[in-house]
Amino acid sequence: METKIPDTVYVFHFHLDKGTDINILKEELINDTKILFFADATYIACQHQLINALVQSHVAFETKTNFAKVPGIEILLRLAGTSQIHKARKLFEITEETDYVVIASEVQMERWKSYNCNPGLPHDENLVPYIQLLDKEITNCKEILSMSVMTNF
């Protein structure tokens, strides 16, 4: 079975109400096989940061240079700018202090409507409901990767 990041990723967020049972929420998110990743939105600055992480993760799986075995963890590593899973998880873990949860999925998420989901990222004026990974972005990322490999000795 080939592991990869889909070409189209749907992104949405919701405000985490105080009193929400975090463990039940995490379990529901983990068990939803269409979700690529979910995270506390605090350290996701903008859509471009997310697009870069998605493109880098896509290329990493395609070129077999991924750090993680599953796409969701690879995306979190790329968002966090680290190859250490425990650091990325600590940075993006959903806790009682979390204000907004960001979810990226392979499909539009009708199932999560009860959480009053909104498209895109919180505090991002460009509320795009999905991200299309373009061949141009993937090619550019591969070129940058090949240059960094050549100069990294």
C-alpha atoms as a PDB file:
ATOM      1  CA  MET A   1       0.000   0.000   0.000  1.00  0.00           C
ATOM      2  CA  GLU A   2       1.408   3.347  -1.076  1.00  0.00           C
ATOM      3  CA  THR A   3       1.436   6.142   1.489  1.00  0.00           C
ATOM      4  CA  LYS A   4       1.009   9.635   0.092  1.00  0.00           C
ATOM      5  CA  ILE A   5      -0.501  13.026   0.630  1.00  0.00           C
ATOM      6  CA  PRO A   6      -3.566  13.539  -1.587  1.00  0.00           C
ATOM      7  CA  ASP A   7      -3.482  16.270  -4.238  1.00  0.00           C
ATOM      8  CA  THR A   8      -6.487  17.993  -2.671  1.00  0.00           C
ATOM      9  CA  VAL A   9      -6.635  18.604   1.070  1.00  0.00           C
ATOM     10  CA  TYR A  10      -9.676  20.118   2.786  1.00  0.00           C
ATOM     11  CA  VAL A  11      -8.839  22.389   5.703  1.00  0.00           C
ATOM     12  CA  PHE A  12     -11.219  23.647   8.352  1.00  0.00           C
ATOM     13  CA  HIS A  13     -11.172  24.777  11.941  1.00  0.00           C
ATOM     14  CA  PHE A  14     -13.453  25.107  14.925  1.00  0.00           C
ATOM     15  CA  HIS A  15     -13.373  26.855  18.259  1.00  0.00           C
ATOM     16  CA  LEU A  16     -12.856  24.374  21.066  1.00  0.00           C
ATOM     17  CA  ASP A  17     -15.467  25.075  23.714  1.00  0.00           C
ATOM     18  CA  LYS A  18     -14.277  24.957  27.292  1.00  0.00           C
ATOM     19  CA  GLY A  19     -15.551  21.823  28.938  1.00  0.00           C
ATOM     20  CA  THR A  20     -15.101  19.688  25.821  1.00  0.00           C
ATOM     21  CA  ASP A  21     -13.775  16.255  26.718  1.00  0.00           C
ATOM     22  CA  ILE A  22     -10.387  16.410  24.985  1.00  0.00           C
ATOM     23  CA  ASN A  23      -9.761  12.659  25.177  1.00  0.00           C
ATOM     24  CA  ILE A  24     -13.056  11.823  23.476  1.00  0.00           C
ATOM     25  CA  LEU A  25     -12.427  14.466  20.792  1.00  0.00           C
ATOM     26  CA  LYS A  26      -8.919  13.123  20.093  1.00  0.00           C
ATOM     27  CA  GLU A  27     -10.220   9.567  19.896  1.00  0.00           C
ATOM     28  CA  GLU A  28     -12.918  10.597  17.404  1.00  0.00           C
ATOM     29  CA  LEU A  29     -10.358  12.459  15.297  1.00  0.00           C
ATOM     30  CA  ILE A  30      -7.841   9.599  15.368  1.00  0.00           C
ATOM     31  CA  ASN A  31     -10.490   7.054  14.374  1.00  0.00           C
ATOM     32  CA  ASP A  32     -11.696   9.084  11.393  1.00  0.00           C
ATOM     33  CA  THR A  33      -9.696   7.536   8.548  1.00  0.00           C
ATOM     34  CA  LYS A  34     -10.253  10.511   6.214  1.00  0.00           C
ATOM     35  CA  ILE A  35      -8.442  12.952   8.513  1.00  0.00           C
ATOM     36  CA  LEU A  36      -4.798  13.543   7.592  1.00  0.00           C
ATOM     37  CA  PHE A  37      -3.971  15.509  10.705  1.00  0.00           C
ATOM     38  CA  PHE A  38      -5.461  17.650  13.442  1.00  0.00           C
ATOM     39  CA  ALA A  39      -3.673  20.197  15.585  1.00  0.00           C
ATOM     40  CA  ASP A  40      -3.898  23.108  17.947  1.00  0.00           C
ATOM     41  CA  ALA A  41      -3.938  26.089  15.571  1.00  0.00           C
ATOM     42  CA  THR A  42      -1.860  28.379  17.806  1.00  0.00           C
ATOM     43  CA  TYR A  43       1.416  27.910  15.934  1.00  0.00           C
ATOM     44  CA  ILE A  44       0.041  27.657  12.406  1.00  0.00           C
ATOM     45  CA  ALA A  45       0.636  31.207  11.274  1.00  0.00           C
ATOM     46  CA  CYS A  46      -0.987  31.181   7.847  1.00  0.00           C
ATOM     47  CA  GLN A  47      -2.158  29.166   4.901  1.00  0.00           C
ATOM     48  CA  HIS A  48       1.296  29.365   3.282  1.00  0.00           C
ATOM     49  CA  GLN A  49       2.908  27.571   6.223  1.00  0.00           C
ATOM     50  CA  LEU A  50       0.366  24.779   5.838  1.00  0.00           C
ATOM     51  CA  ILE A  51       0.777  24.606   2.049  1.00  0.00           C
ATOM     52  CA  ASN A  52       4.567  24.348   2.442  1.00  0.00           C
ATOM     53  CA  ALA A  53       4.199  21.546   4.991  1.00  0.00           C
ATOM     54  CA  LEU A  54       1.780  19.672   2.708  1.00  0.00           C
ATOM     55  CA  VAL A  55       4.009  20.049  -0.351  1.00  0.00           C
ATOM     56  CA  GLN A  56       7.141  19.047   1.580  1.00  0.00           C
ATOM     57  CA  SER A  57       5.335  16.017   3.014  1.00  0.00           C
ATOM     58  CA  HIS A  58       4.018  15.040  -0.419  1.00  0.00           C
ATOM     59  CA  VAL A  59       7.528  15.213  -1.886  1.00  0.00           C
ATOM     60  CA  ALA A  60       9.042  13.406   1.107  1.00  0.00           C
ATOM     61  CA  PHE A  61       6.770  10.396   0.625  1.00  0.00           C
ATOM     62  CA  GLU A  62       7.241  10.466  -3.138  1.00  0.00           C
ATOM     63  CA  THR A  63      11.049  10.528  -2.844  1.00  0.00           C
ATOM     64  CA  LYS A  64      11.127   8.257   0.219  1.00  0.00           C
ATOM     65  CA  THR A  65      12.803  10.935   2.361  1.00  0.00           C
ATOM     66  CA  ASN A  66       9.986  11.065   4.912  1.00  0.00           C
ATOM     67  CA  PHE A  67      10.747  11.009   8.640  1.00  0.00           C
ATOM     68  CA  ALA A  68       7.392   9.546   9.723  1.00  0.00           C
ATOM     69  CA  LYS A  69       5.563   6.454   8.551  1.00  0.00           C
ATOM     70  CA  VAL A  70       2.177   8.169   8.288  1.00  0.00           C
ATOM     71  CA  PRO A  71       1.270  11.383   6.450  1.00  0.00           C
ATOM     72  CA  GLY A  72      -0.304  13.151   9.433  1.00  0.00           C
ATOM     73  CA  ILE A  73       2.825  12.948  11.554  1.00  0.00           C
ATOM     74  CA  GLU A  74       4.991  13.947   8.589  1.00  0.00           C
ATOM     75  CA  ILE A  75       2.843  17.060   8.068  1.00  0.00           C
ATOM     76  CA  LEU A  76       3.149  17.979  11.759  1.00  0.00           C
ATOM     77  CA  LEU A  77       6.922  17.535  11.574  1.00  0.00           C
ATOM     78  CA  ARG A  78       7.071  19.848   8.566  1.00  0.00           C
ATOM     79  CA  LEU A  79       4.795  22.404  10.262  1.00  0.00           C
ATOM     80  CA  ALA A  80       7.000  22.344  13.361  1.00  0.00           C
ATOM     81  CA  GLY A  81      10.253  22.468  11.406  1.00  0.00           C
ATOM     82  CA  THR A  82      11.720  19.494  13.218  1.00  0.00           C
ATOM     83  CA  SER A  83      12.398  15.812  12.597  1.00  0.00           C
ATOM     84  CA  GLN A  84      11.588  14.928  16.205  1.00  0.00           C
ATOM     85  CA  ILE A  85       8.062  13.637  16.625  1.00  0.00           C
ATOM     86  CA  HIS A  86       7.817  14.383  20.357  1.00  0.00           C
ATOM     87  CA  LYS A  87       8.638  18.074  19.735  1.00  0.00           C
ATOM     88  CA  ALA A  88       6.048  18.397  16.957  1.00  0.00           C
ATOM     89  CA  ARG A  89       3.378  16.642  18.999  1.00  0.00           C
ATOM     90  CA  LYS A  90       4.072  18.840  22.012  1.00  0.00           C
ATOM     91  CA  LEU A  91       3.807  21.971  19.890  1.00  0.00           C
ATOM     92  CA  PHE A  92       0.521  21.028  18.193  1.00  0.00           C
ATOM     93  CA  GLU A  93      -1.160  18.846  20.824  1.00  0.00           C
ATOM     94  CA  ILE A  94      -4.789  19.649  21.616  1.00  0.00           C
ATOM     95  CA  THR A  95      -5.148  20.488  25.308  1.00  0.00           C
ATOM     96  CA  GLU A  96      -7.654  22.200  27.592  1.00  0.00           C
ATOM     97  CA  GLU A  97      -5.914  25.506  26.737  1.00  0.00           C
ATOM     98  CA  THR A  98      -6.475  25.078  22.976  1.00  0.00           C
ATOM     99  CA  ASP A  99      -8.673  27.770  21.436  1.00  0.00           C
ATOM    100  CA  TYR A 100      -8.903  26.523  17.848  1.00  0.00           C
ATOM    101  CA  VAL A 101      -8.472  23.088  16.324  1.00  0.00           C
ATOM    102  CA  VAL A 102      -7.366  22.766  12.700  1.00  0.00           C
ATOM    103  CA  ILE A 103      -8.228  19.642  10.738  1.00  0.00           C
ATOM    104  CA  ALA A 104      -6.942  18.621   7.319  1.00  0.00           C
ATOM    105  CA  SER A 105      -8.856  15.895   5.532  1.00  0.00           C
ATOM    106  CA  GLU A 106      -9.011  13.953   2.291  1.00  0.00           C
ATOM    107  CA  VAL A 107     -12.708  14.802   1.981  1.00  0.00           C
ATOM    108  CA  GLN A 108     -15.097  17.560   2.968  1.00  0.00           C
ATOM    109  CA  MET A 109     -16.140  16.923   6.520  1.00  0.00           C
ATOM    110  CA  GLU A 110     -19.892  16.756   6.917  1.00  0.00           C
ATOM    111  CA  ARG A 111     -19.432  14.620  10.038  1.00  0.00           C
ATOM    112  CA  TRP A 112     -17.807  17.479  11.983  1.00  0.00           C
ATOM    113  CA  LYS A 113     -20.559  20.059  11.383  1.00  0.00           C
ATOM    114  CA  SER A 114     -21.692  19.701  15.002  1.00  0.00           C
ATOM    115  CA  TYR A 115     -18.471  21.468  16.003  1.00  0.00           C
ATOM    116  CA  ASN A 116     -19.470  24.522  13.897  1.00  0.00           C
ATOM    117  CA  CYS A 117     -16.509  24.127  11.561  1.00  0.00           C
ATOM    118  CA  ASN A 118     -15.361  26.935   9.309  1.00  0.00           C
ATOM    119  CA  PRO A 119     -13.229  26.653   6.183  1.00  0.00           C
ATOM    120  CA  GLY A 120      -9.537  27.442   6.278  1.00  0.00           C
ATOM    121  CA  LEU A 121      -7.473  28.521   9.247  1.00  0.00           C
ATOM    122  CA  PRO A 122      -8.617  30.715  12.140  1.00  0.00           C
ATOM    123  CA  HIS A 123      -7.526  34.349  11.916  1.00  0.00           C
ATOM    124  CA  ASP A 124      -6.728  33.909   8.210  1.00  0.00           C
ATOM    125  CA  GLU A 125      -8.748  36.286   6.064  1.00  0.00           C
ATOM    126  CA  ASN A 126      -8.369  34.007   3.053  1.00  0.00           C
ATOM    127  CA  LEU A 127     -10.858  31.294   4.062  1.00  0.00           C
ATOM    128  CA  VAL A 128     -10.065  28.729   1.386  1.00  0.00           C
ATOM    129  CA  PRO A 129     -11.935  25.467   2.036  1.00  0.00           C
ATOM    130  CA  TYR A 130      -9.328  23.307   0.353  1.00  0.00           C
ATOM    131  CA  ILE A 131      -5.725  23.335  -0.792  1.00  0.00           C
ATOM    132  CA  GLN A 132      -4.819  21.998  -4.205  1.00  0.00           C
ATOM    133  CA  LEU A 133      -1.230  20.815  -4.377  1.00  0.00           C
ATOM    134  CA  LEU A 134       0.027  22.066  -7.714  1.00  0.00           C
ATOM    135  CA  ASP A 135       2.609  20.275  -9.851  1.00  0.00           C
ATOM    136  CA  LYS A 136       4.600  23.527 -10.002  1.00  0.00           C
ATOM    137  CA  GLU A 137       4.903  23.668  -6.193  1.00  0.00           C
ATOM    138  CA  ILE A 138       5.869  20.005  -6.006  1.00  0.00           C
ATOM    139  CA  THR A 139       8.490  20.425  -8.759  1.00  0.00           C
ATOM    140  CA  ASN A 140       9.952  23.507  -7.034  1.00  0.00           C
ATOM    141  CA  CYS A 141      10.156  21.632  -3.747  1.00  0.00           C
ATOM    142  CA  LYS A 142      11.948  18.717  -5.440  1.00  0.00           C
ATOM    143  CA  GLU A 143      14.452  21.115  -7.013  1.00  0.00           C
ATOM    144  CA  ILE A 144      15.152  22.773  -3.665  1.00  0.00           C
ATOM    145  CA  LEU A 145      15.497  19.364  -2.032  1.00  0.00           C
ATOM    146  CA  SER A 146      17.966  18.185  -4.672  1.00  0.00           C
ATOM    147  CA  MET A 147      20.044  21.371  -4.272  1.00  0.00           C
ATOM    148  CA  SER A 148      20.143  20.980  -0.486  1.00  0.00           C
ATOM    149  CA  VAL A 149      21.196  17.336  -0.818  1.00  0.00           C
ATOM    150  CA  MET A 150      23.999  18.303  -3.215  1.00  0.00           C
ATOM    151  CA  THR A 151      25.335  21.011  -0.902  1.00  0.00           C
ATOM    152  CA  ASN A 152      24.869  19.094   2.337  1.00  0.00           C
ATOM    153  CA  PHE A 153      28.130  17.243   2.990  1.00  0.00           C
END
